[in-house]
PDB file of N, CA and C in Angstrom:
ATOM      1  N   MET A   1      96.812 -92.247  12.203  1.00  0.00           N
ATOM      2  CA  MET A   1      97.220 -92.712  10.890  1.00  0.00           C
ATOM      3  C   MET A   1      97.954 -91.599  10.129  1.00  0.00           C
ATOM      4  N   GLU A   2      97.585 -90.362  10.385  1.00  0.00           N
ATOM      5  CA  GLU A   2      98.220 -89.241   9.682  1.00  0.00           C
ATOM      6  C   GLU A   2      99.731 -89.208   9.920  1.00  0.00           C
ATOM      7  N   GLU A   3     100.140 -89.400  11.171  1.00  0.00           N
ATOM      8  CA  GLU A   3     101.575 -89.389  11.481  1.00  0.00           C
ATOM      9  C   GLU A   3     102.292 -90.557  10.817  1.00  0.00           C
ATOM     10  N   ARG A   4     101.641 -91.696  10.778  1.00  0.00           N
ATOM     11  CA  ARG A   4     102.241 -92.879  10.135  1.00  0.00           C
ATOM     12  C   ARG A   4     102.413 -92.637   8.633  1.00  0.00           C
ATOM     13  N   ILE A   5     101.450 -91.997   7.983  1.00  0.00           N
ATOM     14  CA  ILE A   5     101.559 -91.679   6.556  1.00  0.00           C
ATOM     15  C   ILE A   5     102.740 -90.735   6.331  1.00  0.00           C
ATOM     16  N   LYS A   6     102.840 -89.705   7.157  1.00  0.00           N
ATOM     17  CA  LYS A   6     103.952 -88.760   7.024  1.00  0.00           C
ATOM     18  C   LYS A   6     105.291 -89.467   7.199  1.00  0.00           C
ATOM     19  N   GLN A   7     105.351 -90.378   8.142  1.00  0.00           N
ATOM     20  CA  GLN A   7     106.577 -91.136   8.384  1.00  0.00           C
ATOM     21  C   GLN A   7     106.923 -92.010   7.174  1.00  0.00           C
ATOM     22  N   LEU A   8     105.941 -92.689   6.625  1.00  0.00           N
ATOM     23  CA  LEU A   8     106.171 -93.532   5.447  1.00  0.00           C
ATOM     24  C   LEU A   8     106.619 -92.703   4.246  1.00  0.00           C
ATOM     25  N   LEU A   9     106.005 -91.541   4.067  1.00  0.00           N
ATOM     26  CA  LEU A   9     106.419 -90.675   2.970  1.00  0.00           C
ATOM     27  C   LEU A   9     107.879 -90.277   3.142  1.00  0.00           C
ATOM     28  N   GLU A  10     108.237 -89.904   4.364  1.00  0.00           N
ATOM     29  CA  GLU A  10     109.598 -89.449   4.635  1.00  0.00           C
ATOM     30  C   GLU A  10     110.629 -90.566   4.507  1.00  0.00           C
ATOM     31  N   GLU A  11     110.287 -91.739   5.015  1.00  0.00           N
ATOM     32  CA  GLU A  11     111.258 -92.831   5.074  1.00  0.00           C
ATOM     33  C   GLU A  11     111.298 -93.714   3.833  1.00  0.00           C
ATOM     34  N   LYS A  12     110.161 -93.906   3.185  1.00  0.00           N
ATOM     35  CA  LYS A  12     110.100 -94.861   2.067  1.00  0.00           C
ATOM     36  C   LYS A  12     109.899 -94.207   0.704  1.00  0.00           C
ATOM     37  N   VAL A  13     109.019 -93.213   0.645  1.00  0.00           N
ATOM     38  CA  VAL A  13     108.668 -92.609  -0.643  1.00  0.00           C
ATOM     39  C   VAL A  13     109.667 -91.538  -1.069  1.00  0.00           C
ATOM     40  N   ASN A  14     109.945 -90.596  -0.182  1.00  0.00           N
ATOM     41  CA  ASN A  14     110.802 -89.469  -0.569  1.00  0.00           C
ATOM     42  C   ASN A  14     112.219 -89.855  -0.968  1.00  0.00           C
ATOM     43  N   PRO A  15     112.822 -90.872  -0.357  1.00  0.00           N
ATOM     44  CA  PRO A  15     114.137 -91.284  -0.868  1.00  0.00           C
ATOM     45  C   PRO A  15     114.090 -91.757  -2.326  1.00  0.00           C
ATOM     46  N   LEU A  16     113.003 -92.388  -2.716  1.00  0.00           N
ATOM     47  CA  LEU A  16     112.849 -92.808  -4.118  1.00  0.00           C
ATOM     48  C   LEU A  16     112.659 -91.604  -5.030  1.00  0.00           C
ATOM     49  N   LEU A  17     111.801 -90.684  -4.600  1.00  0.00           N
ATOM     50  CA  LEU A  17     111.506 -89.516  -5.426  1.00  0.00           C
ATOM     51  C   LEU A  17     112.674 -88.537  -5.466  1.00  0.00           C
ATOM     52  N   ALA A  18     113.508 -88.548  -4.442  1.00  0.00           N
ATOM     53  CA  ALA A  18     114.666 -87.653  -4.395  1.00  0.00           C
ATOM     54  C   ALA A  18     115.626 -87.935  -5.547  1.00  0.00           C
ATOM     55  N   ARG A  19     115.624 -89.145  -6.034  1.00  0.00           N
ATOM     56  CA  ARG A  19     116.454 -89.488  -7.198  1.00  0.00           C
ATOM     57  C   ARG A  19     116.060 -88.674  -8.422  1.00  0.00           C
ATOM     58  N   HIS A  20     114.841 -88.187  -8.420  1.00  0.00           N
ATOM     59  CA  HIS A  20     114.315 -87.381  -9.520  1.00  0.00           C
ATOM     60  C   HIS A  20     114.128 -85.927  -9.080  1.00  0.00           C
ATOM     61  N   TYR A  21     114.779 -85.560  -7.986  1.00  0.00           N
ATOM     62  CA  TYR A  21     114.729 -84.196  -7.439  1.00  0.00           C
ATOM     63  C   TYR A  21     113.336 -83.790  -6.994  1.00  0.00           C
ATOM     64  N   GLY A  22     112.588 -84.752  -6.450  1.00  0.00           N
ATOM     65  CA  GLY A  22     111.243 -84.456  -5.996  1.00  0.00           C
ATOM     66  C   GLY A  22     110.934 -85.070  -4.656  1.00  0.00           C
ATOM     67  N   GLY A  23     109.684 -84.996  -4.303  1.00  0.00           N
ATOM     68  CA  GLY A  23     109.226 -85.561  -3.053  1.00  0.00           C
ATOM     69  C   GLY A  23     107.712 -85.599  -3.023  1.00  0.00           C
ATOM     70  N   ALA A  24     107.174 -85.978  -1.867  1.00  0.00           N
ATOM     71  CA  ALA A  24     105.725 -86.042  -1.691  1.00  0.00           C
ATOM     72  C   ALA A  24     105.390 -85.623  -0.275  1.00  0.00           C
ATOM     73  N   GLU A  25     104.241 -84.951  -0.130  1.00  0.00           N
ATOM     74  CA  GLU A  25     103.797 -84.544   1.194  1.00  0.00           C
ATOM     75  C   GLU A  25     102.301 -84.775   1.334  1.00  0.00           C
ATOM     76  N   LEU A  26     101.900 -85.156   2.524  1.00  0.00           N
ATOM     77  CA  LEU A  26     100.491 -85.349   2.823  1.00  0.00           C
ATOM     78  C   LEU A  26      99.840 -83.986   3.005  1.00  0.00           C
ATOM     79  N   THR A  27      98.755 -83.731   2.291  1.00  0.00           N
ATOM     80  CA  THR A  27      98.060 -82.454   2.446  1.00  0.00           C
ATOM     81  C   THR A  27      96.730 -82.609   3.177  1.00  0.00           C
ATOM     82  N   ALA A  28      96.169 -83.820   3.153  1.00  0.00           N
ATOM     83  CA  ALA A  28      94.902 -84.046   3.852  1.00  0.00           C
ATOM     84  C   ALA A  28      94.666 -85.542   4.010  1.00  0.00           C
ATOM     85  N   LEU A  29      93.918 -85.869   5.045  1.00  0.00           N
ATOM     86  CA  LEU A  29      93.465 -87.239   5.274  1.00  0.00           C
ATOM     87  C   LEU A  29      92.008 -87.151   5.673  1.00  0.00           C
ATOM     88  N   GLU A  30      91.134 -87.607   4.786  1.00  0.00           N
ATOM     89  CA  GLU A  30      89.693 -87.531   5.032  1.00  0.00           C
ATOM     90  C   GLU A  30      89.050 -88.848   4.659  1.00  0.00           C
ATOM     91  N   ASN A  31      88.276 -89.410   5.573  1.00  0.00           N
ATOM     92  CA  ASN A  31      87.560 -90.662   5.325  1.00  0.00           C
ATOM     93  C   ASN A  31      88.491 -91.759   4.830  1.00  0.00           C
ATOM     94  N   ASN A  32      89.666 -91.856   5.443  1.00  0.00           N
ATOM     95  CA  ASN A  32      90.681 -92.867   5.088  1.00  0.00           C
ATOM     96  C   ASN A  32      91.195 -92.740   3.662  1.00  0.00           C
ATOM     97  N   VAL A  33      91.125 -91.533   3.116  1.00  0.00           N
ATOM     98  CA  VAL A  33      91.694 -91.233   1.802  1.00  0.00           C
ATOM     99  C   VAL A  33      92.775 -90.172   2.008  1.00  0.00           C
ATOM    100  N   ALA A  34      94.001 -90.509   1.590  1.00  0.00           N
ATOM    101  CA  ALA A  34      95.123 -89.585   1.739  1.00  0.00           C
ATOM    102  C   ALA A  34      95.286 -88.761   0.473  1.00  0.00           C
ATOM    103  N   LYS A  35      95.386 -87.451   0.643  1.00  0.00           N
ATOM    104  CA  LYS A  35      95.702 -86.561  -0.476  1.00  0.00           C
ATOM    105  C   LYS A  35      97.179 -86.232  -0.371  1.00  0.00           C
ATOM    106  N   VAL A  36      97.907 -86.469  -1.449  1.00  0.00           N
ATOM    107  CA  VAL A  36      99.351 -86.279  -1.457  1.00  0.00           C
ATOM    108  C   VAL A  36      99.724 -85.335  -2.589  1.00  0.00           C
ATOM    109  N   ARG A  37     100.530 -84.332  -2.251  1.00  0.00           N
ATOM    110  CA  ARG A  37     101.029 -83.377  -3.249  1.00  0.00           C
ATOM    111  C   ARG A  37     102.468 -83.752  -3.579  1.00  0.00           C
ATOM    112  N   MET A  38     102.775 -83.741  -4.861  1.00  0.00           N
ATOM    113  CA  MET A  38     104.139 -83.975  -5.303  1.00  0.00           C
ATOM    114  C   MET A  38     104.898 -82.657  -5.191  1.00  0.00           C
ATOM    115  N   THR A  39     106.170 -82.723  -4.789  1.00  0.00           N
ATOM    116  CA  THR A  39     106.965 -81.519  -4.601  1.00  0.00           C
ATOM    117  C   THR A  39     108.220 -81.575  -5.468  1.00  0.00           C
ATOM    118  N   GLY A  40     108.930 -80.466  -5.526  1.00  0.00           N
ATOM    119  CA  GLY A  40     110.154 -80.404  -6.324  1.00  0.00           C
ATOM    120  C   GLY A  40     109.866 -80.674  -7.788  1.00  0.00           C
ATOM    121  N   ALA A  41     110.779 -81.342  -8.445  1.00  0.00           N
ATOM    122  CA  ALA A  41     110.616 -81.638  -9.872  1.00  0.00           C
ATOM    123  C   ALA A  41     109.397 -82.526 -10.126  1.00  0.00           C
ATOM    124  N   CYS A  42     109.035 -83.334  -9.147  1.00  0.00           N
ATOM    125  CA  CYS A  42     107.872 -84.217  -9.313  1.00  0.00           C
ATOM    126  C   CYS A  42     106.563 -83.426  -9.346  1.00  0.00           C
ATOM    127  N   GLY A  43     106.572 -82.224  -8.766  1.00  0.00           N
ATOM    128  CA  GLY A  43     105.366 -81.406  -8.728  1.00  0.00           C
ATOM    129  C   GLY A  43     104.914 -80.923 -10.089  1.00  0.00           C
ATOM    130  N   SER A  44     105.847 -80.777 -11.012  1.00  0.00           N
ATOM    131  CA  SER A  44     105.485 -80.306 -12.345  1.00  0.00           C
ATOM    132  C   SER A  44     105.623 -81.402 -13.400  1.00  0.00           C
ATOM    133  N   CYS A  45     105.863 -82.607 -12.957  1.00  0.00           N
ATOM    134  CA  CYS A  45     106.062 -83.720 -13.888  1.00  0.00           C
ATOM    135  C   CYS A  45     104.730 -84.197 -14.454  1.00  0.00           C
ATOM    136  N   PRO A  46     104.661 -84.404 -15.756  1.00  0.00           N
ATOM    137  CA  PRO A  46     103.422 -84.910 -16.352  1.00  0.00           C
ATOM    138  C   PRO A  46     103.079 -86.328 -15.890  1.00  0.00           C
ATOM    139  N   SER A  47     104.038 -87.030 -15.330  1.00  0.00           N
ATOM    140  CA  SER A  47     103.803 -88.401 -14.860  1.00  0.00           C
ATOM    141  C   SER A  47     103.459 -88.470 -13.375  1.00  0.00           C
ATOM    142  N   ALA A  48     103.171 -87.346 -12.750  1.00  0.00           N
ATOM    143  CA  ALA A  48     102.887 -87.328 -11.315  1.00  0.00           C
ATOM    144  C   ALA A  48     101.736 -88.261 -10.941  1.00  0.00           C
ATOM    145  N   GLN A  49     100.710 -88.308 -11.749  1.00  0.00           N
ATOM    146  CA  GLN A  49      99.569 -89.182 -11.460  1.00  0.00           C
ATOM    147  C   GLN A  49     100.004 -90.644 -11.446  1.00  0.00           C
ATOM    148  N   TYR A  50     100.864 -91.019 -12.378  1.00  0.00           N
ATOM    149  CA  TYR A  50     101.360 -92.399 -12.420  1.00  0.00           C
ATOM    150  C   TYR A  50     102.253 -92.699 -11.224  1.00  0.00           C
ATOM    151  N   THR A  51     103.030 -91.722 -10.797  1.00  0.00           N
ATOM    152  CA  THR A  51     103.893 -91.898  -9.630  1.00  0.00           C
ATOM    153  C   THR A  51     103.047 -92.121  -8.391  1.00  0.00           C
ATOM    154  N   ILE A  52     101.965 -91.365  -8.262  1.00  0.00           N
ATOM    155  CA  ILE A  52     101.057 -91.562  -7.127  1.00  0.00           C
ATOM    156  C   ILE A  52     100.512 -92.984  -7.158  1.00  0.00           C
ATOM    157  N   GLU A  53     100.027 -93.420  -8.307  1.00  0.00           N
ATOM    158  CA  GLU A  53      99.397 -94.731  -8.409  1.00  0.00           C
ATOM    159  C   GLU A  53     100.393 -95.879  -8.279  1.00  0.00           C
ATOM    160  N   ASP A  54     101.543 -95.754  -8.933  1.00  0.00           N
ATOM    161  CA  ASP A  54     102.491 -96.865  -9.002  1.00  0.00           C
ATOM    162  C   ASP A  54     103.469 -96.929  -7.833  1.00  0.00           C
ATOM    163  N   VAL A  55     103.748 -95.809  -7.207  1.00  0.00           N
ATOM    164  CA  VAL A  55     104.759 -95.790  -6.143  1.00  0.00           C
ATOM    165  C   VAL A  55     104.117 -95.453  -4.802  1.00  0.00           C
ATOM    166  N   VAL A  56     103.588 -94.259  -4.695  1.00  0.00           N
ATOM    167  CA  VAL A  56     103.105 -93.756  -3.408  1.00  0.00           C
ATOM    168  C   VAL A  56     101.954 -94.602  -2.874  1.00  0.00           C
ATOM    169  N   LYS A  57     100.961 -94.817  -3.690  1.00  0.00           N
ATOM    170  CA  LYS A  57      99.780 -95.581  -3.262  1.00  0.00           C
ATOM    171  C   LYS A  57     100.164 -96.995  -2.852  1.00  0.00           C
ATOM    172  N   GLN A  58     101.017 -97.617  -3.622  1.00  0.00           N
ATOM    173  CA  GLN A  58     101.430 -98.990  -3.326  1.00  0.00           C
ATOM    174  C   GLN A  58     102.123 -99.073  -1.963  1.00  0.00           C
ATOM    175  N   ILE A  59     103.050 -98.171  -1.715  1.00  0.00           N
ATOM    176  CA  ILE A  59     103.794 -98.183  -0.446  1.00  0.00           C
ATOM    177  C   ILE A  59     102.871 -97.907   0.733  1.00  0.00           C
ATOM    178  N   LEU A  60     102.037 -96.877   0.620  1.00  0.00           N
ATOM    179  CA  LEU A  60     101.174 -96.500   1.735  1.00  0.00           C
ATOM    180  C   LEU A  60     100.109 -97.542   2.028  1.00  0.00           C
ATOM    181  N   MET A  61      99.468 -98.052   1.002  1.00  0.00           N
ATOM    182  CA  MET A  61      98.369 -98.992   1.230  1.00  0.00           C
ATOM    183  C   MET A  61      98.873-100.365   1.670  1.00  0.00           C
ATOM    184  N   GLU A  62     100.075-100.708   1.289  1.00  0.00           N
ATOM    185  CA  GLU A  62     100.648-101.970   1.765  1.00  0.00           C
ATOM    186  C   GLU A  62     100.930-101.893   3.268  1.00  0.00           C
ATOM    187  N   ALA A  63     101.407-100.748   3.717  1.00  0.00           N
ATOM    188  CA  ALA A  63     101.730-100.573   5.131  1.00  0.00           C
ATOM    189  C   ALA A  63     100.502-100.269   5.982  1.00  0.00           C
ATOM    190  N   LEU A  64      99.485 -99.678   5.369  1.00  0.00           N
ATOM    191  CA  LEU A  64      98.288 -99.253   6.096  1.00  0.00           C
ATOM    192  C   LEU A  64      97.032 -99.802   5.415  1.00  0.00           C
ATOM    193  N   PRO A  65      96.663-101.039   5.689  1.00  0.00           N
ATOM    194  CA  PRO A  65      95.502-101.641   5.017  1.00  0.00           C
ATOM    195  C   PRO A  65      94.191-100.895   5.249  1.00  0.00           C
ATOM    196  N   GLU A  66      94.111-100.131   6.336  1.00  0.00           N
ATOM    197  CA  GLU A  66      92.885 -99.376   6.599  1.00  0.00           C
ATOM    198  C   GLU A  66      92.736 -98.156   5.691  1.00  0.00           C
ATOM    199  N   LEU A  67      93.804 -97.781   5.020  1.00  0.00           N
ATOM    200  CA  LEU A  67      93.769 -96.667   4.073  1.00  0.00           C
ATOM    201  C   LEU A  67      92.996 -97.113   2.834  1.00  0.00           C
ATOM    202  N   GLU A  68      91.991 -96.341   2.438  1.00  0.00           N
ATOM    203  CA  GLU A  68      91.135 -96.740   1.329  1.00  0.00           C
ATOM    204  C   GLU A  68      91.635 -96.279  -0.029  1.00  0.00           C
ATOM    205  N   ASP A  69      92.348 -95.147  -0.061  1.00  0.00           N
ATOM    206  CA  ASP A  69      92.850 -94.659  -1.343  1.00  0.00           C
ATOM    207  C   ASP A  69      93.918 -93.596  -1.094  1.00  0.00           C
ATOM    208  N   VAL A  70      94.715 -93.362  -2.122  1.00  0.00           N
ATOM    209  CA  VAL A  70      95.709 -92.299  -2.129  1.00  0.00           C
ATOM    210  C   VAL A  70      95.506 -91.551  -3.432  1.00  0.00           C
ATOM    211  N   VAL A  71      95.271 -90.240  -3.343  1.00  0.00           N
ATOM    212  CA  VAL A  71      94.980 -89.452  -4.538  1.00  0.00           C
ATOM    213  C   VAL A  71      95.954 -88.285  -4.646  1.00  0.00           C
ATOM    214  N   LEU A  72      96.176 -87.858  -5.861  1.00  0.00           N
ATOM    215  CA  LEU A  72      97.059 -86.739  -6.140  1.00  0.00           C
ATOM    216  C   LEU A  72      96.362 -85.421  -5.827  1.00  0.00           C
ATOM    217  N   ASP A  73      97.001 -84.605  -5.008  1.00  0.00           N
ATOM    218  CA  ASP A  73      96.514 -83.258  -4.715  1.00  0.00           C
ATOM    219  C   ASP A  73      97.180 -82.323  -5.723  1.00  0.00           C
ATOM    220  N   THR A  74      96.394 -81.770  -6.615  1.00  0.00           N
ATOM    221  CA  THR A  74      96.933 -80.918  -7.674  1.00  0.00           C
ATOM    222  C   THR A  74      96.869 -79.431  -7.326  1.00  0.00           C
ATOM    223  N   SER A  75      96.520 -79.120  -6.085  1.00  0.00           N
ATOM    224  CA  SER A  75      96.475 -77.709  -5.699  1.00  0.00           C
ATOM    225  C   SER A  75      97.897 -77.143  -5.664  1.00  0.00           C
ATOM    226  N   VAL A  76      97.995 -75.847  -5.764  1.00  0.00           N
ATOM    227  CA  VAL A  76      99.290 -75.166  -5.764  1.00  0.00           C
ATOM    228  C   VAL A  76      99.718 -74.934  -4.323  1.00  0.00           C
ATOM    229  N   SER A  77     100.973 -75.253  -4.030  1.00  0.00           N
ATOM    230  CA  SER A  77     101.466 -75.090  -2.664  1.00  0.00           C
ATOM    231  C   SER A  77     101.630 -73.609  -2.324  1.00  0.00           C
ATOM    232  N   ASP A  78     101.559 -73.306  -1.044  1.00  0.00           N
ATOM    233  CA  ASP A  78     101.752 -71.931  -0.579  1.00  0.00           C
ATOM    234  C   ASP A  78     103.159 -71.436  -0.912  1.00  0.00           C
ATOM    235  N   ASP A  79     104.148 -72.326  -0.844  1.00  0.00           N
ATOM    236  CA  ASP A  79     105.522 -71.953  -1.180  1.00  0.00           C
ATOM    237  C   ASP A  79     105.628 -71.473  -2.625  1.00  0.00           C
ATOM    238  N   LEU A  80     104.965 -72.165  -3.527  1.00  0.00           N
ATOM    239  CA  LEU A  80     105.003 -71.796  -4.939  1.00  0.00           C
ATOM    240  C   LEU A  80     104.302 -70.457  -5.178  1.00  0.00           C
ATOM    241  N   ILE A  81     103.202 -70.239  -4.504  1.00  0.00           N
ATOM    242  CA  ILE A  81     102.492 -68.965  -4.628  1.00  0.00           C
ATOM    243  C   ILE A  81     103.368 -67.824  -4.113  1.00  0.00           C
ATOM    244  N   ASP A  82     104.026 -68.036  -2.964  1.00  0.00           N
ATOM    245  CA  ASP A  82     104.922 -67.022  -2.419  1.00  0.00           C
ATOM    246  C   ASP A  82     106.070 -66.714  -3.374  1.00  0.00           C
ATOM    247  N   MET A  83     106.638 -67.752  -3.974  1.00  0.00           N
ATOM    248  CA  MET A  83     107.732 -67.564  -4.923  1.00  0.00           C
ATOM    249  C   MET A  83     107.260 -66.758  -6.132  1.00  0.00           C
ATOM    250  N   ALA A  84     106.087 -67.068  -6.635  1.00  0.00           N
ATOM    251  CA  ALA A  84     105.545 -66.343  -7.784  1.00  0.00           C
ATOM    252  C   ALA A  84     105.314 -64.866  -7.435  1.00  0.00           C
ATOM    253  N   LYS A  85     104.827 -64.605  -6.246  1.00  0.00           N
ATOM    254  CA  LYS A  85     104.602 -63.222  -5.824  1.00  0.00           C
ATOM    255  C   LYS A  85     105.914 -62.448  -5.762  1.00  0.00           C
ATOM    256  N   LYS A  86     106.962 -63.102  -5.249  1.00  0.00           N
ATOM    257  CA  LYS A  86     108.270 -62.437  -5.157  1.00  0.00           C
ATOM    258  C   LYS A  86     108.816 -62.131  -6.552  1.00  0.00           C
ATOM    259  N   ILE A  87     108.652 -63.052  -7.461  1.00  0.00           N
ATOM    260  CA  ILE A  87     109.126 -62.840  -8.839  1.00  0.00           C
ATOM    261  C   ILE A  87     108.368 -61.695  -9.488  1.00  0.00           C
ATOM    262  N   LEU A  88     107.059 -61.677  -9.306  1.00  0.00           N
ATOM    263  CA  LEU A  88     106.254 -60.619  -9.902  1.00  0.00           C
ATOM    264  C   LEU A  88     106.566 -59.253  -9.312  1.00  0.00           C
ATOM    265  N   ARG A  89     106.863 -59.197  -8.039  1.00  0.00           N
ATOM    266  CA  ARG A  89     107.216 -57.916  -7.415  1.00  0.00           C
ATOM    267  C   ARG A  89     108.503 -57.354  -7.984  1.00  0.00           C
ATOM    268  N   LYS A  90     109.462 -58.213  -8.281  1.00  0.00           N
ATOM    269  CA  LYS A  90     110.746 -57.767  -8.821  1.00  0.00           C
ATOM    270  C   LYS A  90     110.624 -57.252 -10.246  1.00  0.00           C
ATOM    271  N   GLU A  91     109.687 -57.777 -11.005  1.00  0.00           N
ATOM    272  CA  GLU A  91     109.533 -57.405 -12.400  1.00  0.00           C
ATOM    273  C   GLU A  91     108.660 -56.180 -12.588  1.00  0.00           C
ATOM    274  N   VAL A  92     107.952 -55.774 -11.543  1.00  0.00           N
ATOM    275  CA  VAL A  92     107.036 -54.636 -11.675  1.00  0.00           C
ATOM    276  C   VAL A  92     107.778 -53.341 -11.550  1.00  0.00           C
TER     277      VAL A  92
END
């Protein structure tokens, strides 16, 4: 199911979110609950929770009835942490 979720995100969800300079990625799948992190501009958008509920969850659960829920992963991505470290090194 994990590969199917990634495929759906890539083919159905990310083209929609790309219009807003963002995207979504699967960060975990546990007990039929998908954790999805918003990326790009969507990652810092105050409406990210609504996007998960209204767009991502609807698309994924319609295609995968065995999926029990889709939740927003609010953890900070490794890419963002690396970028912050590089910025801080330059300013020191």
